[in-house]
Amino acid sequence: MTLLTKSSPQHPEPNELILRDTLAIDRTRLANQRTFLAFVRTGIYFIATALGIFHLEQTGNLHWLAWIFVVIGSASILTGVINYFVMRKKIIRIFR
């Protein structure tokens, strides 16, 4: 029967990351990027819809709706950017 010490391979040093931890960090970073891109994609879709409404002559008095889509799209992109950097800072702080 052998006793496990802190320096044994089964117990890595506290500052040392094992493969599982490294992969978890990578997954977390990729999830943050994926979420950011989803916010940006949604914002672009709203703005593209607004541009389509602006260019249609048959919409009549729907320019107010197009402006609402522009505001929602811009807010979505801004929310995504803010969320990305806030989460990035948390990820760096936790995993360093």
Foldseek 3Di string as FASTA:
>chain_A
DDDDDCVDPVHDDPLDDDPVRVVVLVVLLVVLVVQLVVLLVQLVVLQVVLVVCVPDPVNPPCNVVSVVSNVSSVVSNVVSVVSSVVSVVVSVVVND
